[in-house]
Amino acid sequence: TTNTTRVDVFSVASGHLYERLLKIMMVAVRRRSKYNVKFWIIKAFLSPQFKATLPIMANKYNFSYQLVSYKWPQWLRPQYEKQRIIWGNKILFLDVLFPLDLERVIYIDSDQIVRTDLIELMRMDFGKAPYAFTPFCDSRKETEPFRFWKQGYWKDHLGEKKYHISALFAIDLRRFRQMAAGDVLRYHYQLLSADPLSLANLDQDLPNYAQDQIPIYSLPQNWLWCETWCSDETIDEAKTIDLCNNPLTKKPKLYVAQTMVKEWPGLDEEVRNISAGPDEYEKFFFKE
């Protein structure tokens, strides 16, 4: 374990809705932590408006940030759909996206609501594993038929291992690089992506598939609550809430956020009032 005194969070967002959700996630992380906070955001997909708003937010909430990018290598099979490119960026380049002196970073989806001080995850011991994910919940009984990892291919492949959700995971970058885990993930990606039907959820299927070579430390269940798989009784003890899509109700993310997450409407109202005025926008736009 490291006695770090900063919370480092990595994220990616594309489009107006996800940028709005990302602002909320950032404010929630900052509010919950007594420590310094730094955000690492993938630059490629951000709108100029969002980029112009970042310095204003950083100043108002007292966090630091860095925009990161990595060019998809020519030898690695490309993805053409934006969502899949984003998923690829989130899992395939963890060893090369960050400066070498960064020891640990926590990936958080933009549509995640954080309710705890993430310093706990920054300091947790993952044993020999280079990263930690939360397994999917089992507590919501009515979605049992949708638990694809309990049948067919995944059941055989995983054996005793769990299937984990990729909306939040912490990476011990030193261990990750030491094991050359990035190379192993890219190797498996290259093989599996030859079949367009494999890696349906690229960012999630890949680390779950590669568990034999890259072990996953399983976080306690309360690290991630998602309505699809977790029962209503367990929401109060959740450290983070993922606005995932429930296959039974198909409720839109914003509806779930507004109705199930008590702090969400207040946070949403607050971030809507932070936007770059024309001056900041212009200054930023012409600087690019």
C-alpha atoms as a PDB file:
ATOM      1  CA  THR A   1       0.000   0.000   0.000  1.00  0.00           C
ATOM      2  CA  THR A   2       1.123   3.540  -0.647  1.00  0.00           C
ATOM      3  CA  ASN A   3       0.669   6.378   1.776  1.00  0.00           C
ATOM      4  CA  THR A   4      -0.429   8.711  -0.953  1.00  0.00           C
ATOM      5  CA  THR A   5      -1.958  12.075  -0.139  1.00  0.00           C
ATOM      6  CA  ARG A   6      -3.628  12.744  -3.466  1.00  0.00           C
ATOM      7  CA  VAL A   7      -6.627  11.237  -5.199  1.00  0.00           C
ATOM      8  CA  ASP A   8      -5.963  10.720  -8.934  1.00  0.00           C
ATOM      9  CA  VAL A   9      -9.001  10.102 -11.129  1.00  0.00           C
ATOM     10  CA  PHE A  10      -9.029   9.226 -14.817  1.00  0.00           C
ATOM     11  CA  SER A  11     -12.091   9.628 -17.047  1.00  0.00           C
ATOM     12  CA  VAL A  12     -13.359  10.106 -20.579  1.00  0.00           C
ATOM     13  CA  ALA A  13     -16.501  11.757 -21.949  1.00  0.00           C
ATOM     14  CA  SER A  14     -18.009  12.465 -25.313  1.00  0.00           C
ATOM     15  CA  GLY A  15     -21.087  14.517 -26.133  1.00  0.00           C
ATOM     16  CA  HIS A  16     -23.154  17.033 -24.224  1.00  0.00           C
ATOM     17  CA  LEU A  17     -24.905  14.612 -21.842  1.00  0.00           C
ATOM     18  CA  TYR A  18     -21.718  12.833 -20.760  1.00  0.00           C
ATOM     19  CA  GLU A  19     -19.867  16.113 -20.284  1.00  0.00           C
ATOM     20  CA  ARG A  20     -22.677  17.270 -18.013  1.00  0.00           C
ATOM     21  CA  LEU A  21     -22.428  14.005 -16.065  1.00  0.00           C
ATOM     22  CA  LEU A  22     -18.619  14.247 -15.947  1.00  0.00           C
ATOM     23  CA  LYS A  23     -18.818  17.677 -14.278  1.00  0.00           C
ATOM     24  CA  ILE A  24     -21.125  16.202 -11.629  1.00  0.00           C
ATOM     25  CA  MET A  25     -18.797  13.256 -11.074  1.00  0.00           C
ATOM     26  CA  MET A  26     -15.823  15.613 -10.656  1.00  0.00           C
ATOM     27  CA  VAL A  27     -17.600  17.861  -8.161  1.00  0.00           C
ATOM     28  CA  ALA A  28     -18.783  14.820  -6.162  1.00  0.00           C
ATOM     29  CA  VAL A  29     -15.239  13.353  -6.016  1.00  0.00           C
ATOM     30  CA  ARG A  30     -13.808  16.693  -4.899  1.00  0.00           C
ATOM     31  CA  ARG A  31     -16.496  17.267  -2.259  1.00  0.00           C
ATOM     32  CA  ARG A  32     -16.056  13.827  -0.736  1.00  0.00           C
ATOM     33  CA  SER A  33     -12.291  13.927  -0.367  1.00  0.00           C
ATOM     34  CA  LYS A  34     -10.251  15.633   2.333  1.00  0.00           C
ATOM     35  CA  TYR A  35      -7.173  15.261   0.129  1.00  0.00           C
ATOM     36  CA  ASN A  36      -5.849  16.938  -3.009  1.00  0.00           C
ATOM     37  CA  VAL A  37      -7.585  15.755  -6.167  1.00  0.00           C
ATOM     38  CA  LYS A  38      -6.235  15.588  -9.698  1.00  0.00           C
ATOM     39  CA  PHE A  39      -8.264  14.598 -12.766  1.00  0.00           C
ATOM     40  CA  TRP A  40      -6.730  13.027 -15.883  1.00  0.00           C
ATOM     41  CA  ILE A  41      -9.150  13.349 -18.794  1.00  0.00           C
ATOM     42  CA  ILE A  42      -8.760  11.984 -22.298  1.00  0.00           C
ATOM     43  CA  LYS A  43      -8.547  15.018 -24.533  1.00  0.00           C
ATOM     44  CA  ALA A  44      -9.636  13.590 -27.874  1.00  0.00           C
ATOM     45  CA  PHE A  45     -13.387  13.591 -27.312  1.00  0.00           C
ATOM     46  CA  LEU A  46     -13.957  16.808 -25.335  1.00  0.00           C
ATOM     47  CA  SER A  47     -15.849  19.787 -26.731  1.00  0.00           C
ATOM     48  CA  PRO A  48     -14.165  23.219 -26.769  1.00  0.00           C
ATOM     49  CA  GLN A  49     -16.866  24.407 -24.326  1.00  0.00           C
ATOM     50  CA  PHE A  50     -15.966  21.715 -21.819  1.00  0.00           C
ATOM     51  CA  LYS A  51     -12.243  22.434 -22.154  1.00  0.00           C
ATOM     52  CA  ALA A  52     -12.904  26.140 -21.565  1.00  0.00           C
ATOM     53  CA  THR A  53     -14.968  25.316 -18.456  1.00  0.00           C
ATOM     54  CA  LEU A  54     -12.255  23.169 -16.857  1.00  0.00           C
ATOM     55  CA  PRO A  55     -10.031  25.999 -15.535  1.00  0.00           C
ATOM     56  CA  ILE A  56     -13.109  27.705 -14.050  1.00  0.00           C
ATOM     57  CA  MET A  57     -14.153  24.520 -12.251  1.00  0.00           C
ATOM     58  CA  ALA A  58     -10.587  23.773 -11.115  1.00  0.00           C
ATOM     59  CA  ASN A  59     -10.396  27.214  -9.581  1.00  0.00           C
ATOM     60  CA  LYS A  60     -13.833  27.082  -7.970  1.00  0.00           C
ATOM     61  CA  TYR A  61     -13.470  23.580  -6.477  1.00  0.00           C
ATOM     62  CA  ASN A  62      -9.730  23.571  -5.913  1.00  0.00           C
ATOM     63  CA  PHE A  63      -8.602  20.565  -7.951  1.00  0.00           C
ATOM     64  CA  SER A  64      -5.929  20.135 -10.606  1.00  0.00           C
ATOM     65  CA  TYR A  65      -6.311  18.434 -13.970  1.00  0.00           C
ATOM     66  CA  GLN A  66      -4.402  17.286 -17.002  1.00  0.00           C
ATOM     67  CA  LEU A  67      -5.680  16.373 -20.451  1.00  0.00           C
ATOM     68  CA  VAL A  68      -4.048  13.189 -21.727  1.00  0.00           C
ATOM     69  CA  SER A  69      -3.915  11.549 -25.125  1.00  0.00           C
ATOM     70  CA  TYR A  70      -2.382   8.587 -26.846  1.00  0.00           C
ATOM     71  CA  LYS A  71      -2.477   7.943 -30.556  1.00  0.00           C
ATOM     72  CA  TRP A  72      -3.983   4.565 -31.419  1.00  0.00           C
ATOM     73  CA  PRO A  73      -0.995   2.549 -32.737  1.00  0.00           C
ATOM     74  CA  GLN A  74      -1.105   1.593 -36.395  1.00  0.00           C
ATOM     75  CA  TRP A  75      -0.410  -2.055 -35.710  1.00  0.00           C
ATOM     76  CA  LEU A  76      -3.351  -2.378 -33.307  1.00  0.00           C
ATOM     77  CA  ARG A  77      -6.667  -3.269 -34.926  1.00  0.00           C
ATOM     78  CA  PRO A  78      -8.702  -0.058 -35.159  1.00  0.00           C
ATOM     79  CA  GLN A  79     -12.249   0.533 -33.972  1.00  0.00           C
ATOM     80  CA  TYR A  80     -14.543   2.724 -36.040  1.00  0.00           C
ATOM     81  CA  GLU A  81     -17.480   3.344 -33.784  1.00  0.00           C
ATOM     82  CA  LYS A  82     -16.952   6.232 -31.361  1.00  0.00           C
ATOM     83  CA  GLN A  83     -18.202   4.349 -28.290  1.00  0.00           C
ATOM     84  CA  ARG A  84     -15.811   1.481 -28.982  1.00  0.00           C
ATOM     85  CA  ILE A  85     -12.881   3.844 -29.584  1.00  0.00           C
ATOM     86  CA  ILE A  86     -13.638   5.380 -26.183  1.00  0.00           C
ATOM     87  CA  TRP A  87     -13.770   1.934 -24.545  1.00  0.00           C
ATOM     88  CA  GLY A  88     -10.450   1.101 -26.170  1.00  0.00           C
ATOM     89  CA  ASN A  89      -8.863   4.293 -24.839  1.00  0.00           C
ATOM     90  CA  LYS A  90     -10.050   3.453 -21.362  1.00  0.00           C
ATOM     91  CA  ILE A  91      -8.383   0.017 -21.117  1.00  0.00           C
ATOM     92  CA  LEU A  92      -5.744  -0.504 -23.837  1.00  0.00           C
ATOM     93  CA  PHE A  93      -3.207   2.231 -23.051  1.00  0.00           C
ATOM     94  CA  LEU A  94      -3.076   2.424 -19.254  1.00  0.00           C
ATOM     95  CA  ASP A  95       0.699   1.893 -19.240  1.00  0.00           C
ATOM     96  CA  VAL A  96       1.422   4.768 -21.638  1.00  0.00           C
ATOM     97  CA  LEU A  97      -1.202   7.441 -20.866  1.00  0.00           C
ATOM     98  CA  PHE A  98       0.274   8.712 -17.621  1.00  0.00           C
ATOM     99  CA  PRO A  99       3.620  10.065 -16.445  1.00  0.00           C
ATOM    100  CA  LEU A 100       5.935   7.390 -15.014  1.00  0.00           C
ATOM    101  CA  ASP A 101       5.911   8.907 -11.535  1.00  0.00           C
ATOM    102  CA  LEU A 102       2.142   8.427 -11.176  1.00  0.00           C
ATOM    103  CA  GLU A 103       1.805   5.299  -9.060  1.00  0.00           C
ATOM    104  CA  ARG A 104      -1.926   4.786  -8.977  1.00  0.00           C
ATOM    105  CA  VAL A 105      -5.005   6.137 -10.713  1.00  0.00           C
ATOM    106  CA  ILE A 106      -8.721   5.389 -10.397  1.00  0.00           C
ATOM    107  CA  TYR A 107     -10.798   5.163 -13.551  1.00  0.00           C
ATOM    108  CA  ILE A 108     -14.373   6.428 -13.109  1.00  0.00           C
ATOM    109  CA  ASP A 109     -17.071   6.553 -15.788  1.00  0.00           C
ATOM    110  CA  SER A 110     -18.534  10.012 -16.323  1.00  0.00           C
ATOM    111  CA  ASP A 111     -22.005   8.768 -15.342  1.00  0.00           C
ATOM    112  CA  GLN A 112     -20.846   7.536 -11.937  1.00  0.00           C
ATOM    113  CA  ILE A 113     -21.855   9.221  -8.684  1.00  0.00           C
ATOM    114  CA  VAL A 114     -19.195   9.088  -5.987  1.00  0.00           C
ATOM    115  CA  ARG A 115     -20.241   9.112  -2.325  1.00  0.00           C
ATOM    116  CA  THR A 116     -16.998   8.334  -0.539  1.00  0.00           C
ATOM    117  CA  ASP A 117     -13.454   9.594  -0.089  1.00  0.00           C
ATOM    118  CA  LEU A 118     -11.504   7.790  -2.816  1.00  0.00           C
ATOM    119  CA  ILE A 119      -8.268   8.006  -0.814  1.00  0.00           C
ATOM    120  CA  GLU A 120      -9.283   4.571   0.513  1.00  0.00           C
ATOM    121  CA  LEU A 121      -8.921   3.109  -2.971  1.00  0.00           C
ATOM    122  CA  MET A 122      -5.665   5.003  -3.558  1.00  0.00           C
ATOM    123  CA  ARG A 123      -4.178   3.271  -0.488  1.00  0.00           C
ATOM    124  CA  MET A 124      -5.775  -0.167  -0.643  1.00  0.00           C
ATOM    125  CA  ASP A 125      -3.584  -3.238  -0.965  1.00  0.00           C
ATOM    126  CA  PHE A 126      -4.442  -5.211  -4.125  1.00  0.00           C
ATOM    127  CA  GLY A 127      -2.098  -8.074  -3.302  1.00  0.00           C
ATOM    128  CA  LYS A 128      -0.371  -9.247  -6.481  1.00  0.00           C
ATOM    129  CA  ALA A 129      -3.037  -7.819  -8.793  1.00  0.00           C
ATOM    130  CA  PRO A 130      -2.247  -4.725 -10.875  1.00  0.00           C
ATOM    131  CA  TYR A 131      -5.815  -3.481 -10.732  1.00  0.00           C
ATOM    132  CA  ALA A 132      -9.037  -3.750  -8.752  1.00  0.00           C
ATOM    133  CA  PHE A 133     -12.621  -3.955 -10.032  1.00  0.00           C
ATOM    134  CA  THR A 134     -15.988  -4.624  -8.370  1.00  0.00           C
ATOM    135  CA  PRO A 135     -17.753  -7.871  -9.323  1.00  0.00           C
ATOM    136  CA  PHE A 136     -21.304  -7.601 -10.661  1.00  0.00           C
ATOM    137  CA  CYS A 137     -23.981  -7.721  -7.930  1.00  0.00           C
ATOM    138  CA  ASP A 138     -26.209 -10.733  -7.487  1.00  0.00           C
ATOM    139  CA  SER A 139     -28.820  -9.175  -5.257  1.00  0.00           C
ATOM    140  CA  ARG A 140     -31.495  -8.091  -7.778  1.00  0.00           C
ATOM    141  CA  LYS A 141     -33.305 -11.353  -8.427  1.00  0.00           C
ATOM    142  CA  GLU A 142     -35.557 -10.273 -11.314  1.00  0.00           C
ATOM    143  CA  THR A 143     -32.589  -9.584 -13.632  1.00  0.00           C
ATOM    144  CA  GLU A 144     -31.098 -13.062 -13.110  1.00  0.00           C
ATOM    145  CA  PRO A 145     -31.902 -14.180 -16.716  1.00  0.00           C
ATOM    146  CA  PHE A 146     -29.750 -11.291 -18.004  1.00  0.00           C
ATOM    147  CA  ARG A 147     -26.621 -12.375 -16.096  1.00  0.00           C
ATOM    148  CA  PHE A 148     -24.782 -13.446 -19.235  1.00  0.00           C
ATOM    149  CA  TRP A 149     -21.588 -14.316 -17.332  1.00  0.00           C
ATOM    150  CA  LYS A 150     -23.346 -17.183 -15.563  1.00  0.00           C
ATOM    151  CA  GLN A 151     -24.011 -19.134 -18.731  1.00  0.00           C
ATOM    152  CA  GLY A 152     -22.402 -20.437 -21.900  1.00  0.00           C
ATOM    153  CA  TYR A 153     -19.028 -19.085 -22.933  1.00  0.00           C
ATOM    154  CA  TRP A 154     -18.364 -16.861 -19.925  1.00  0.00           C
ATOM    155  CA  LYS A 155     -19.337 -19.517 -17.401  1.00  0.00           C
ATOM    156  CA  ASP A 156     -16.827 -21.928 -18.960  1.00  0.00           C
ATOM    157  CA  HIS A 157     -14.114 -19.317 -19.373  1.00  0.00           C
ATOM    158  CA  LEU A 158     -14.338 -17.837 -15.877  1.00  0.00           C
ATOM    159  CA  GLY A 159     -14.709 -21.044 -13.896  1.00  0.00           C
ATOM    160  CA  GLU A 160     -14.487 -19.939 -10.261  1.00  0.00           C
ATOM    161  CA  LYS A 161     -13.525 -16.370 -11.144  1.00  0.00           C
ATOM    162  CA  LYS A 162     -15.951 -13.463 -11.018  1.00  0.00           C
ATOM    163  CA  TYR A 163     -17.104 -11.188 -13.817  1.00  0.00           C
ATOM    164  CA  HIS A 164     -16.357  -7.550 -12.899  1.00  0.00           C
ATOM    165  CA  ILE A 165     -17.875  -4.226 -13.958  1.00  0.00           C
ATOM    166  CA  SER A 166     -15.616  -1.622 -15.593  1.00  0.00           C
ATOM    167  CA  ALA A 167     -17.403   1.592 -14.578  1.00  0.00           C
ATOM    168  CA  LEU A 168     -14.861   2.060 -11.786  1.00  0.00           C
ATOM    169  CA  PHE A 169     -11.467   0.451 -11.355  1.00  0.00           C
ATOM    170  CA  ALA A 170      -8.211   1.362  -9.663  1.00  0.00           C
ATOM    171  CA  ILE A 171      -4.878   0.701 -11.367  1.00  0.00           C
ATOM    172  CA  ASP A 172      -1.585   0.217  -9.557  1.00  0.00           C
ATOM    173  CA  LEU A 173       0.486   1.603 -12.415  1.00  0.00           C
ATOM    174  CA  ARG A 174       3.838   0.420 -11.082  1.00  0.00           C
ATOM    175  CA  ARG A 175       2.678  -3.172 -10.803  1.00  0.00           C
ATOM    176  CA  PHE A 176       0.806  -2.876 -14.117  1.00  0.00           C
ATOM    177  CA  ARG A 177       3.958  -1.799 -15.962  1.00  0.00           C
ATOM    178  CA  GLN A 178       6.183  -4.249 -14.115  1.00  0.00           C
ATOM    179  CA  MET A 179       3.957  -7.111 -15.327  1.00  0.00           C
ATOM    180  CA  ALA A 180       3.736  -5.652 -18.846  1.00  0.00           C
ATOM    181  CA  ALA A 181      -0.026  -5.923 -18.384  1.00  0.00           C
ATOM    182  CA  GLY A 182      -0.628  -3.378 -21.168  1.00  0.00           C
ATOM    183  CA  ASP A 183       1.118  -5.664 -23.678  1.00  0.00           C
ATOM    184  CA  VAL A 184      -0.912  -8.655 -22.497  1.00  0.00           C
ATOM    185  CA  LEU A 185      -4.203  -6.749 -22.845  1.00  0.00           C
ATOM    186  CA  ARG A 186      -3.280  -5.486 -26.333  1.00  0.00           C
ATOM    187  CA  TYR A 187      -2.236  -9.000 -27.364  1.00  0.00           C
ATOM    188  CA  HIS A 188      -5.601 -10.451 -26.301  1.00  0.00           C
ATOM    189  CA  TYR A 189      -7.439  -7.502 -27.843  1.00  0.00           C
ATOM    190  CA  GLN A 190      -5.680  -8.084 -31.177  1.00  0.00           C
ATOM    191  CA  LEU A 191      -6.631 -11.784 -31.195  1.00  0.00           C
ATOM    192  CA  LEU A 192     -10.215 -11.371 -29.983  1.00  0.00           C
ATOM    193  CA  SER A 193     -11.114  -8.318 -32.063  1.00  0.00           C
ATOM    194  CA  ALA A 194     -10.495 -10.315 -35.251  1.00  0.00           C
ATOM    195  CA  ASP A 195     -14.012 -11.598 -34.603  1.00  0.00           C
ATOM    196  CA  PRO A 196     -16.358  -8.589 -34.796  1.00  0.00           C
ATOM    197  CA  LEU A 197     -18.830 -10.387 -32.528  1.00  0.00           C
ATOM    198  CA  SER A 198     -16.404 -10.768 -29.639  1.00  0.00           C
ATOM    199  CA  LEU A 199     -15.668  -8.071 -27.026  1.00  0.00           C
ATOM    200  CA  ALA A 200     -19.244  -6.772 -27.063  1.00  0.00           C
ATOM    201  CA  ASN A 201     -18.284  -4.578 -24.092  1.00  0.00           C
ATOM    202  CA  LEU A 202     -14.658  -4.086 -25.021  1.00  0.00           C
ATOM    203  CA  ASP A 203     -13.507  -2.256 -21.881  1.00  0.00           C
ATOM    204  CA  GLN A 204     -15.147  -4.811 -19.605  1.00  0.00           C
ATOM    205  CA  ASP A 205     -14.882  -8.097 -21.479  1.00  0.00           C
ATOM    206  CA  LEU A 206     -11.139  -7.692 -22.079  1.00  0.00           C
ATOM    207  CA  PRO A 207      -9.893  -7.467 -18.452  1.00  0.00           C
ATOM    208  CA  ASN A 208     -12.375 -10.164 -17.381  1.00  0.00           C
ATOM    209  CA  TYR A 209     -11.194 -12.431 -20.193  1.00  0.00           C
ATOM    210  CA  ALA A 210      -7.497 -11.899 -19.351  1.00  0.00           C
ATOM    211  CA  GLN A 211      -7.786 -12.758 -15.637  1.00  0.00           C
ATOM    212  CA  ASP A 212      -5.622 -15.876 -15.945  1.00  0.00           C
ATOM    213  CA  GLN A 213      -2.626 -13.727 -16.850  1.00  0.00           C
ATOM    214  CA  ILE A 214      -3.605 -10.428 -15.235  1.00  0.00           C
ATOM    215  CA  PRO A 215      -5.323 -11.105 -11.928  1.00  0.00           C
ATOM    216  CA  ILE A 216      -8.108  -8.767 -10.803  1.00  0.00           C
ATOM    217  CA  TYR A 217      -8.428  -7.819  -7.148  1.00  0.00           C
ATOM    218  CA  SER A 218     -12.156  -7.968  -6.353  1.00  0.00           C
ATOM    219  CA  LEU A 219     -13.365  -4.929  -4.436  1.00  0.00           C
ATOM    220  CA  PRO A 220     -16.102  -5.283  -1.809  1.00  0.00           C
ATOM    221  CA  GLN A 221     -19.565  -5.150  -3.404  1.00  0.00           C
ATOM    222  CA  ASN A 222     -20.444  -1.760  -1.917  1.00  0.00           C
ATOM    223  CA  TRP A 223     -17.851  -0.041  -4.094  1.00  0.00           C
ATOM    224  CA  LEU A 224     -20.271  -0.041  -7.001  1.00  0.00           C
ATOM    225  CA  TRP A 225     -24.052  -0.071  -7.032  1.00  0.00           C
ATOM    226  CA  CYS A 226     -25.923  -0.407 -10.284  1.00  0.00           C
ATOM    227  CA  GLU A 227     -29.691  -0.696 -10.506  1.00  0.00           C
ATOM    228  CA  THR A 228     -29.560  -3.467 -13.083  1.00  0.00           C
ATOM    229  CA  TRP A 229     -27.909  -6.016 -10.809  1.00  0.00           C
ATOM    230  CA  CYS A 230     -28.100  -4.667  -7.244  1.00  0.00           C
ATOM    231  CA  SER A 231     -31.205  -4.627  -5.050  1.00  0.00           C
ATOM    232  CA  ASP A 232     -32.823  -1.390  -3.830  1.00  0.00           C
ATOM    233  CA  GLU A 233     -31.991  -2.284  -0.202  1.00  0.00           C
ATOM    234  CA  THR A 234     -28.274  -2.064  -0.913  1.00  0.00           C
ATOM    235  CA  ILE A 235     -28.172   1.456  -2.404  1.00  0.00           C
ATOM    236  CA  ASP A 236     -27.675   3.255   0.904  1.00  0.00           C
ATOM    237  CA  GLU A 237     -24.372   1.604   1.663  1.00  0.00           C
ATOM    238  CA  ALA A 238     -22.993   2.161  -1.856  1.00  0.00           C
ATOM    239  CA  LYS A 239     -19.730   4.072  -2.157  1.00  0.00           C
ATOM    240  CA  THR A 240     -20.430   4.823  -5.828  1.00  0.00           C
ATOM    241  CA  ILE A 241     -23.541   4.574  -7.991  1.00  0.00           C
ATOM    242  CA  ASP A 242     -23.369   3.717 -11.660  1.00  0.00           C
ATOM    243  CA  LEU A 243     -26.209   4.930 -13.878  1.00  0.00           C
ATOM    244  CA  CYS A 244     -26.357   1.695 -15.834  1.00  0.00           C
ATOM    245  CA  ASN A 245     -29.138   0.617 -18.149  1.00  0.00           C
ATOM    246  CA  ASN A 246     -31.662  -1.759 -16.619  1.00  0.00           C
ATOM    247  CA  PRO A 247     -32.731  -4.204 -19.381  1.00  0.00           C
ATOM    248  CA  LEU A 248     -36.142  -4.664 -17.709  1.00  0.00           C
ATOM    249  CA  THR A 249     -37.164  -1.020 -17.259  1.00  0.00           C
ATOM    250  CA  LYS A 250     -35.009   0.649 -19.964  1.00  0.00           C
ATOM    251  CA  LYS A 251     -35.243   3.888 -17.970  1.00  0.00           C
ATOM    252  CA  PRO A 252     -33.042   6.702 -19.295  1.00  0.00           C
ATOM    253  CA  LYS A 253     -29.912   7.537 -17.253  1.00  0.00           C
ATOM    254  CA  LEU A 254     -31.126  10.997 -16.317  1.00  0.00           C
ATOM    255  CA  TYR A 255     -34.390   9.638 -14.996  1.00  0.00           C
ATOM    256  CA  VAL A 256     -32.536   7.151 -12.804  1.00  0.00           C
ATOM    257  CA  ALA A 257     -30.219   9.911 -11.553  1.00  0.00           C
ATOM    258  CA  GLN A 258     -33.041  12.328 -10.768  1.00  0.00           C
ATOM    259  CA  THR A 259     -35.254   9.787  -9.023  1.00  0.00           C
ATOM    260  CA  MET A 260     -32.856   7.420  -7.247  1.00  0.00           C
ATOM    261  CA  VAL A 261     -29.848   9.511  -6.265  1.00  0.00           C
ATOM    262  CA  LYS A 262     -30.800  12.065  -3.658  1.00  0.00           C
ATOM    263  CA  GLU A 263     -27.798  14.371  -4.103  1.00  0.00           C
ATOM    264  CA  TRP A 264     -27.977  14.393  -7.899  1.00  0.00           C
ATOM    265  CA  PRO A 265     -30.501  17.198  -8.607  1.00  0.00           C
ATOM    266  CA  GLY A 266     -28.555  19.609  -6.393  1.00  0.00           C
ATOM    267  CA  LEU A 267     -25.243  18.755  -8.045  1.00  0.00           C
ATOM    268  CA  ASP A 268     -26.779  19.006 -11.510  1.00  0.00           C
ATOM    269  CA  GLU A 269     -28.196  22.449 -10.751  1.00  0.00           C
ATOM    270  CA  GLU A 270     -24.823  23.583  -9.497  1.00  0.00           C
ATOM    271  CA  VAL A 271     -22.731  22.468 -12.467  1.00  0.00           C
ATOM    272  CA  ARG A 272     -25.234  23.863 -14.952  1.00  0.00           C
ATOM    273  CA  ASN A 273     -24.419  27.292 -13.605  1.00  0.00           C
ATOM    274  CA  ILE A 274     -20.719  26.842 -14.261  1.00  0.00           C
ATOM    275  CA  SER A 275     -19.931  27.437 -17.850  1.00  0.00           C
ATOM    276  CA  ALA A 276     -17.347  29.416 -19.687  1.00  0.00           C
ATOM    277  CA  GLY A 277     -18.521  32.867 -20.705  1.00  0.00           C
ATOM    278  CA  PRO A 278     -17.706  34.152 -24.206  1.00  0.00           C
ATOM    279  CA  ASP A 279     -14.400  35.658 -23.030  1.00  0.00           C
ATOM    280  CA  GLU A 280     -12.951  32.453 -21.607  1.00  0.00           C
ATOM    281  CA  TYR A 281     -14.310  30.520 -24.536  1.00  0.00           C
ATOM    282  CA  GLU A 282     -12.639  32.809 -27.061  1.00  0.00           C
ATOM    283  CA  LYS A 283      -9.384  32.953 -25.153  1.00  0.00           C
ATOM    284  CA  PHE A 284      -9.318  29.188 -25.086  1.00  0.00           C
ATOM    285  CA  PHE A 285     -10.477  28.711 -28.612  1.00  0.00           C
ATOM    286  CA  PHE A 286      -7.800  30.895 -30.136  1.00  0.00           C
ATOM    287  CA  LYS A 287      -5.096  29.414 -27.964  1.00  0.00           C
ATOM    288  CA  GLU A 288      -5.709  25.873 -29.243  1.00  0.00           C
END
